[in-house]
Each structure stands twice: as structure tokens, then as C-alpha cells.
Amino acid sequence: MRATIAADVVVLAEDLKAGTPIDASALKLERRDVTATPGAVSNIDEVAGKTSRRAMRAGQLVDRRWLNESVLVKRNGKVTIVARNAGVEVHVAAEALQNGRRGEVISVKNSANGTVIRARVIGPDAVEPLEIPSGTTR
């Protein structure tokens, strides 16, 4: 006797090239045998917006091992540094010196004064400084 496990999992609705951002409209849920696929994903929101490490065909089950976070900040692109402290939020224009995915730490150059800081990617073209400098005087 051989047992199988079936579940509703995310499947591609269309072919996908490696490295291409995955749109939610390119995904669907189907009931499939997941006995041999422990990395199967059951929520479309966990896949949408990410990129695939490999080319995939329509109808293929999505395995989380094949997914990467999408690049949200591009090298030499304009970004906004978003600094929050004690209920105050400040936005500063900057230039990314590296590509970055959500949660990655990259170097950015403040457009106003040329200072290079390390910042964490928090969204498309948005970063937050790792450290908020205490008050400075001039």
C-alpha cells in the first residue's frame, strides 16, 4: 500500500523565464499530490512579487526552494532614505550603490551631502538607515 498527500498548492498558469518577477495573475491554486514536494507553497501571496531561480512551465507546481526575493533597489537608481525616530519620519533622496532585495543591507549615497551610509531595503526604491545619527550641529 502506498499513501499520498494531496493539498491545494500554487501552480503556474503560464510559462515563466528564470529571474522574471512573478505576478499574482500568473498563478493559480490546484489540488495536487505533494508527497514528493515538501517545498510546495499553498498561498499565492507567498509567491507573488518574487522571482524564480529557474524557468518554469505552465501547470508546474511552485516549490519555495526555487524562489528569490525580487530586486527592489537597483544600483545607481534613485532611492528614498526613510528615517523614523520618536514619531518623526524624514525622507531624504539618495542613490543606491548596490542592488538590493527586501531586508538586505546596501550602501547608499545621500544626494544632498554625498555621505555614504549603510541602509536596509524596506520596499521598492526605499531604504532605512541602520543607525540614525544623534543630533548634529553645524
Protein backbone atom coordinates (compact mmCIF):
# COMPACT_ATOMS: atom_id res chain seq x y z
CA MET A 1 0.00 0.00 0.00
CA ARG A 2 1.24 3.47 -0.87
CA ALA A 3 -0.18 6.67 0.63
CA THR A 4 -0.28 10.07 -0.99
CA ILE A 5 -0.87 13.53 0.41
CA ALA A 6 -2.97 15.97 -1.61
CA ALA A 7 -3.31 19.70 -0.94
CA ASP A 8 -4.25 22.95 -2.66
CA VAL A 9 -0.94 24.36 -3.88
CA VAL A 10 0.31 27.21 -6.07
CA VAL A 11 0.77 26.29 -9.74
CA LEU A 12 1.89 28.44 -12.67
CA ALA A 13 -0.85 29.48 -15.08
CA GLU A 14 1.71 30.43 -17.76
CA ASP A 15 5.36 29.80 -18.69
CA LEU A 16 7.92 31.82 -16.75
CA LYS A 17 11.54 32.68 -17.54
CA ALA A 18 14.16 32.49 -14.78
CA GLY A 19 14.69 35.81 -12.98
CA THR A 20 11.33 37.23 -14.04
CA PRO A 21 9.15 38.77 -11.31
CA ILE A 22 6.09 36.56 -10.71
CA ASP A 23 2.75 38.34 -10.97
CA ALA A 24 -0.21 37.00 -8.99
CA SER A 25 -2.19 36.74 -12.26
CA ALA A 26 0.33 34.11 -13.46
CA LEU A 27 -0.56 31.84 -10.52
CA LYS A 28 -3.47 29.63 -9.54
CA LEU A 29 -4.34 27.11 -6.83
CA GLU A 30 -4.84 23.45 -7.73
CA ARG A 31 -5.25 20.28 -5.72
CA ARG A 32 -2.12 18.18 -6.26
CA ASP A 33 -0.19 15.26 -4.83
CA VAL A 34 2.54 16.85 -2.69
CA THR A 35 4.04 13.66 -1.29
CA ALA A 36 7.34 14.21 -3.14
CA THR A 37 7.33 18.03 -2.94
CA PRO A 38 7.88 19.19 0.64
CA GLY A 39 8.57 22.77 -0.56
CA ALA A 40 5.15 23.22 -2.17
CA VAL A 41 3.54 26.60 -1.47
CA SER A 42 -0.15 26.86 -0.56
CA ASN A 43 -0.58 30.65 -0.60
CA ILE A 44 -0.35 32.78 -3.77
CA ASP A 45 0.74 35.81 -1.71
CA GLU A 46 3.93 33.93 -0.68
CA VAL A 47 4.93 33.67 -4.37
CA ALA A 48 3.65 36.89 -5.98
CA GLY A 49 6.36 39.51 -6.36
CA LYS A 50 9.24 37.06 -6.05
CA THR A 51 11.42 35.77 -8.89
CA SER A 52 12.15 32.20 -9.90
CA ARG A 53 15.70 30.84 -9.96
CA ARG A 54 14.76 28.65 -12.91
CA ALA A 55 12.49 28.65 -15.93
CA MET A 56 9.11 27.10 -15.18
CA ARG A 57 6.27 25.78 -17.36
CA ALA A 58 2.55 26.41 -17.10
CA GLY A 59 0.96 23.82 -14.83
CA GLN A 60 4.17 23.30 -12.85
CA LEU A 61 3.89 23.28 -9.07
CA VAL A 62 5.82 26.12 -7.37
CA ASP A 63 8.48 24.99 -4.90
CA ARG A 64 9.73 27.60 -2.39
CA ARG A 65 13.33 26.41 -2.96
CA TRP A 66 13.15 27.93 -6.45
CA LEU A 67 12.10 31.41 -5.28
CA ASN A 68 14.13 34.56 -4.66
CA GLU A 69 13.05 37.92 -3.36
CA SER A 70 12.89 40.42 -6.23
CA VAL A 71 15.45 43.20 -6.52
CA LEU A 72 13.64 46.23 -5.12
CA VAL A 73 16.54 48.68 -5.36
CA LYS A 74 18.76 48.93 -8.42
CA ARG A 75 22.39 50.02 -8.43
CA ASN A 76 22.74 53.70 -9.44
CA GLY A 77 18.96 54.11 -9.06
CA LYS A 78 17.27 56.83 -7.05
CA VAL A 79 16.05 55.73 -3.63
CA THR A 80 14.45 57.36 -0.64
CA ILE A 81 16.05 57.03 2.78
CA VAL A 82 13.21 56.79 5.29
CA ALA A 83 14.38 57.58 8.82
CA ARG A 84 11.97 57.23 11.75
CA ASN A 85 12.70 58.32 15.30
CA ALA A 86 10.41 59.24 18.18
CA GLY A 87 7.34 59.50 15.96
CA VAL A 88 9.08 61.70 13.37
CA GLU A 89 9.64 60.44 9.82
CA VAL A 90 12.17 62.06 7.48
CA HIS A 91 12.58 61.29 3.75
CA VAL A 92 15.92 62.00 2.05
CA ALA A 93 16.85 61.49 -1.62
CA ALA A 94 19.78 59.16 -2.26
CA GLU A 95 21.47 56.97 -4.86
CA ALA A 96 21.83 53.21 -4.42
CA LEU A 97 25.40 51.98 -4.79
CA GLN A 98 24.29 48.33 -4.97
CA ASN A 99 21.28 46.23 -5.97
CA GLY A 100 19.16 45.17 -3.01
CA ARG A 101 16.34 42.80 -2.09
CA ARG A 102 13.95 43.27 0.85
CA GLY A 103 15.87 43.05 4.12
CA GLU A 104 19.34 43.27 2.55
CA VAL A 105 21.81 45.90 3.73
CA ILE A 106 23.32 48.04 0.96
CA SER A 107 25.35 51.24 0.62
CA VAL A 108 23.54 54.41 -0.45
CA LYS A 109 24.82 57.93 -1.10
CA ASN A 110 22.87 60.89 0.26
CA SER A 111 22.12 63.15 -2.73
CA ALA A 112 22.25 66.35 -0.65
CA ASN A 113 25.64 65.95 1.03
CA GLY A 114 27.33 62.94 -0.63
CA THR A 115 27.57 60.95 2.61
CA VAL A 116 27.59 57.17 2.10
CA ILE A 117 25.65 55.14 4.67
CA ARG A 118 24.59 51.53 5.14
CA ALA A 119 20.82 51.03 4.88
CA ARG A 120 18.32 48.16 4.85
CA VAL A 121 15.98 47.75 1.86
CA ILE A 122 12.37 48.12 3.05
CA GLY A 123 10.47 48.38 -0.24
CA PRO A 124 10.67 49.41 -3.89
CA ASP A 125 13.29 52.20 -4.07
CA ALA A 126 13.12 52.71 -0.29
CA VAL A 127 15.69 52.08 2.44
CA GLU A 128 16.05 52.78 6.14
CA PRO A 129 19.38 53.69 7.76
CA LEU A 130 20.95 51.08 10.02
CA GLU A 131 21.73 53.79 12.53
CA ILE A 132 20.05 57.14 12.95
CA PRO A 133 22.72 59.66 13.87
CA SER A 134 22.06 61.64 17.00
CA GLY A 135 21.61 65.39 16.59
CA THR A 136 24.43 67.10 14.75
CA THR A 137 25.41 70.72 14.96
CA ARG A 138 26.89 72.97 12.33
